[in-house]
């Protein structure tokens, strides 16, 4: 992505990159430096903070359902 002086465009691009990392952040799959970058960004970005909270709730809810094979699917 080309560098821009437009702060709104830079913020939007930063949010896009952070949001792409959120699932791995929740799963603890990021290296320490990248995880710190995500944590720092969501600390000051209300939209990304809200998205991370929603994604975290969704993932925890899905995990609480447990893994059960579908009918006809091998166990």
N, C-alpha and C. Protein backbone atom coordinates (compact mmCIF):
# COMPACT_ATOMS: atom_id res chain seq x y z
N UNK A 1 0.85 -1.17 0.00
CA UNK A 1 0.00 0.00 0.00
C UNK A 1 0.90 1.23 0.00
N UNK A 2 0.66 2.17 -0.92
CA UNK A 2 1.50 3.38 -0.96
C UNK A 2 1.28 4.25 0.28
N UNK A 3 2.35 4.92 0.66
CA UNK A 3 2.29 5.81 1.81
C UNK A 3 1.42 7.02 1.48
N UNK A 4 0.61 7.43 2.43
CA UNK A 4 -0.24 8.60 2.25
C UNK A 4 -0.12 9.51 3.47
N UNK A 5 -0.24 10.79 3.23
CA UNK A 5 -0.23 11.74 4.33
C UNK A 5 -1.62 11.94 4.92
N UNK A 6 -2.62 11.39 4.28
CA UNK A 6 -4.00 11.52 4.75
C UNK A 6 -4.17 10.69 6.02
N UNK A 7 -4.38 11.32 7.17
CA UNK A 7 -4.48 10.56 8.43
C UNK A 7 -5.67 9.62 8.47
N UNK A 8 -6.75 9.97 7.82
CA UNK A 8 -7.93 9.08 7.81
C UNK A 8 -7.61 7.81 7.03
N UNK A 9 -6.98 7.96 5.89
CA UNK A 9 -6.62 6.80 5.07
C UNK A 9 -5.60 5.93 5.81
N UNK A 10 -4.62 6.56 6.48
CA UNK A 10 -3.63 5.78 7.23
C UNK A 10 -4.29 5.00 8.36
N UNK A 11 -5.23 5.64 9.06
CA UNK A 11 -5.93 4.95 10.15
C UNK A 11 -6.75 3.79 9.60
N UNK A 12 -7.45 4.01 8.51
CA UNK A 12 -8.27 2.96 7.91
C UNK A 12 -7.40 1.77 7.49
N UNK A 13 -6.22 2.05 6.91
CA UNK A 13 -5.31 0.98 6.51
C UNK A 13 -4.77 0.23 7.73
N UNK A 14 -4.45 0.98 8.78
CA UNK A 14 -3.95 0.35 10.01
C UNK A 14 -5.03 -0.55 10.61
N UNK A 15 -6.26 -0.06 10.64
CA UNK A 15 -7.38 -0.87 11.17
C UNK A 15 -7.55 -2.14 10.35
N UNK A 16 -7.46 -2.03 9.04
CA UNK A 16 -7.61 -3.20 8.17
C UNK A 16 -6.55 -4.25 8.48
N UNK A 17 -5.31 -3.80 8.68
CA UNK A 17 -4.23 -4.75 9.01
C UNK A 17 -4.45 -5.39 10.38
N UNK A 18 -4.87 -4.60 11.36
CA UNK A 18 -5.09 -5.11 12.71
C UNK A 18 -6.26 -6.11 12.71
N UNK A 19 -7.33 -5.78 12.03
CA UNK A 19 -8.49 -6.67 12.00
C UNK A 19 -8.16 -8.01 11.37
N UNK A 20 -7.25 -8.02 10.42
CA UNK A 20 -6.84 -9.28 9.80
C UNK A 20 -6.09 -10.18 10.79
N UNK A 21 -5.58 -9.60 11.87
CA UNK A 21 -4.80 -10.35 12.87
C UNK A 21 -5.62 -10.75 14.09
N UNK A 22 -6.84 -10.30 14.19
CA UNK A 22 -7.61 -10.47 15.43
C UNK A 22 -7.86 -11.93 15.81
N UNK A 23 -8.18 -12.77 14.87
CA UNK A 23 -8.46 -14.17 15.19
C UNK A 23 -7.21 -14.84 15.76
N UNK A 24 -6.06 -14.60 15.12
CA UNK A 24 -4.82 -15.17 15.62
C UNK A 24 -4.44 -14.57 16.97
N UNK A 25 -4.77 -13.30 17.19
CA UNK A 25 -4.52 -12.66 18.48
C UNK A 25 -5.32 -13.35 19.58
N UNK A 26 -6.59 -13.59 19.33
CA UNK A 26 -7.45 -14.26 20.31
C UNK A 26 -6.95 -15.66 20.61
N UNK A 27 -6.48 -16.36 19.57
CA UNK A 27 -5.99 -17.73 19.74
C UNK A 27 -4.58 -17.79 20.31
N UNK A 28 -3.92 -16.64 20.50
CA UNK A 28 -2.57 -16.62 21.04
C UNK A 28 -1.53 -17.11 20.05
N UNK A 29 -1.78 -16.95 18.77
CA UNK A 29 -0.88 -17.47 17.74
C UNK A 29 0.10 -16.43 17.20
N UNK A 30 0.04 -15.20 17.68
CA UNK A 30 0.93 -14.14 17.18
C UNK A 30 2.21 -14.09 18.00
N UNK A 31 3.29 -13.67 17.36
CA UNK A 31 4.52 -13.46 18.11
C UNK A 31 4.29 -12.26 19.05
N UNK A 32 5.15 -12.12 20.03
CA UNK A 32 4.96 -11.12 21.08
C UNK A 32 4.89 -9.70 20.52
N UNK A 33 5.71 -9.40 19.55
CA UNK A 33 5.74 -8.04 18.99
C UNK A 33 4.44 -7.70 18.26
N UNK A 34 3.95 -8.64 17.45
CA UNK A 34 2.71 -8.42 16.71
C UNK A 34 1.52 -8.36 17.65
N UNK A 35 1.50 -9.22 18.66
CA UNK A 35 0.42 -9.20 19.65
C UNK A 35 0.40 -7.87 20.39
N UNK A 36 1.56 -7.34 20.72
CA UNK A 36 1.64 -6.03 21.39
C UNK A 36 1.12 -4.92 20.49
N UNK A 37 1.39 -5.04 19.19
CA UNK A 37 0.89 -4.04 18.24
C UNK A 37 -0.63 -4.06 18.17
N UNK A 38 -1.22 -5.26 18.14
CA UNK A 38 -2.68 -5.38 18.12
C UNK A 38 -3.25 -4.80 19.42
N UNK A 39 -2.67 -5.19 20.55
CA UNK A 39 -3.15 -4.72 21.85
C UNK A 39 -3.08 -3.20 21.96
N UNK A 40 -1.98 -2.63 21.50
CA UNK A 40 -1.81 -1.18 21.54
C UNK A 40 -2.85 -0.48 20.66
N UNK A 41 -3.09 -1.02 19.47
CA UNK A 41 -4.05 -0.40 18.56
C UNK A 41 -5.47 -0.44 19.13
N UNK A 42 -5.89 -1.59 19.63
CA UNK A 42 -7.27 -1.69 20.13
C UNK A 42 -7.46 -0.88 21.41
N UNK A 43 -6.37 -0.56 22.09
CA UNK A 43 -6.47 0.27 23.29
C UNK A 43 -6.97 1.68 22.93
N UNK A 44 -6.56 2.21 21.79
CA UNK A 44 -6.97 3.57 21.45
C UNK A 44 -7.96 3.67 20.30
N UNK A 45 -8.27 2.56 19.62
CA UNK A 45 -9.22 2.60 18.50
C UNK A 45 -10.55 1.98 18.94
N UNK A 46 -11.58 2.80 19.15
CA UNK A 46 -12.85 2.27 19.65
C UNK A 46 -13.52 1.29 18.69
N UNK A 47 -13.39 1.49 17.40
CA UNK A 47 -14.02 0.57 16.45
C UNK A 47 -13.36 -0.80 16.48
N UNK A 48 -12.04 -0.82 16.49
CA UNK A 48 -11.33 -2.11 16.55
C UNK A 48 -11.51 -2.77 17.91
N UNK A 49 -11.56 -1.98 18.96
CA UNK A 49 -11.80 -2.53 20.31
C UNK A 49 -13.16 -3.23 20.35
N UNK A 50 -14.18 -2.59 19.78
CA UNK A 50 -15.52 -3.17 19.74
C UNK A 50 -15.53 -4.45 18.88
N UNK A 51 -14.83 -4.39 17.74
CA UNK A 51 -14.78 -5.57 16.88
C UNK A 51 -14.07 -6.73 17.57
N UNK A 52 -12.97 -6.45 18.27
CA UNK A 52 -12.25 -7.50 18.99
C UNK A 52 -13.12 -8.10 20.09
N UNK A 53 -13.85 -7.27 20.81
CA UNK A 53 -14.74 -7.76 21.87
C UNK A 53 -15.83 -8.65 21.28
N UNK A 54 -16.42 -8.23 20.18
CA UNK A 54 -17.47 -9.03 19.54
C UNK A 54 -16.92 -10.35 19.02
N UNK A 55 -15.76 -10.31 18.39
CA UNK A 55 -15.15 -11.53 17.87
C UNK A 55 -14.78 -12.48 19.00
N UNK A 56 -14.27 -11.92 20.09
CA UNK A 56 -13.91 -12.75 21.25
C UNK A 56 -15.14 -13.43 21.83
N UNK A 57 -16.22 -12.68 21.99
CA UNK A 57 -17.47 -13.28 22.49
C UNK A 57 -17.98 -14.38 21.56
N UNK A 58 -17.93 -14.12 20.27
CA UNK A 58 -18.41 -15.10 19.30
C UNK A 58 -17.58 -16.37 19.35
N UNK A 59 -16.27 -16.23 19.37
CA UNK A 59 -15.39 -17.41 19.41
C UNK A 59 -15.60 -18.19 20.69
N UNK A 60 -15.70 -17.51 21.83
CA UNK A 60 -15.92 -18.22 23.10
C UNK A 60 -17.28 -18.92 23.10
N UNK A 61 -18.30 -18.30 22.53
CA UNK A 61 -19.62 -18.93 22.45
C UNK A 61 -19.57 -20.17 21.57
N UNK A 62 -18.89 -20.09 20.45
CA UNK A 62 -18.79 -21.26 19.57
C UNK A 62 -18.00 -22.38 20.23
N UNK A 63 -16.94 -22.04 20.94
CA UNK A 63 -16.15 -23.06 21.64
C UNK A 63 -16.96 -23.72 22.75
N UNK A 64 -17.85 -22.97 23.38
CA UNK A 64 -18.64 -23.53 24.47
C UNK A 64 -19.66 -24.55 23.97
N UNK A 65 -19.97 -24.51 22.69
CA UNK A 65 -20.90 -25.48 22.13
C UNK A 65 -20.27 -26.87 22.04
N UNK A 66 -18.97 -26.93 22.00
CA UNK A 66 -18.27 -28.20 21.90
C UNK A 66 -18.27 -28.69 20.46
N UNK A 67 -17.38 -29.61 20.19
CA UNK A 67 -17.31 -30.19 18.85
C UNK A 67 -18.09 -31.49 18.84
N UNK A 68 -19.14 -31.50 18.07
CA UNK A 68 -19.93 -32.72 17.92
C UNK A 68 -20.03 -33.04 16.43
N UNK A 69 -19.76 -34.27 16.05
CA UNK A 69 -19.85 -34.61 14.63
C UNK A 69 -21.29 -34.48 14.14
N UNK A 70 -21.43 -34.06 12.92
CA UNK A 70 -22.75 -34.01 12.30
C UNK A 70 -23.24 -35.41 12.02
N UNK A 71 -24.56 -35.61 11.92
CA UNK A 71 -25.07 -36.94 11.57
C UNK A 71 -24.48 -37.40 10.24
N UNK A 72 -24.01 -38.63 10.23
CA UNK A 72 -23.42 -39.19 9.02
C UNK A 72 -21.93 -38.88 8.89
N UNK A 73 -21.40 -38.03 9.76
CA UNK A 73 -19.99 -37.70 9.73
C UNK A 73 -19.25 -38.63 10.66
N UNK A 74 -18.10 -39.16 10.23
CA UNK A 74 -17.36 -40.07 11.12
C UNK A 74 -16.91 -39.36 12.39
N UNK A 75 -16.93 -40.05 13.51
CA UNK A 75 -16.58 -39.47 14.81
C UNK A 75 -15.10 -39.31 14.99
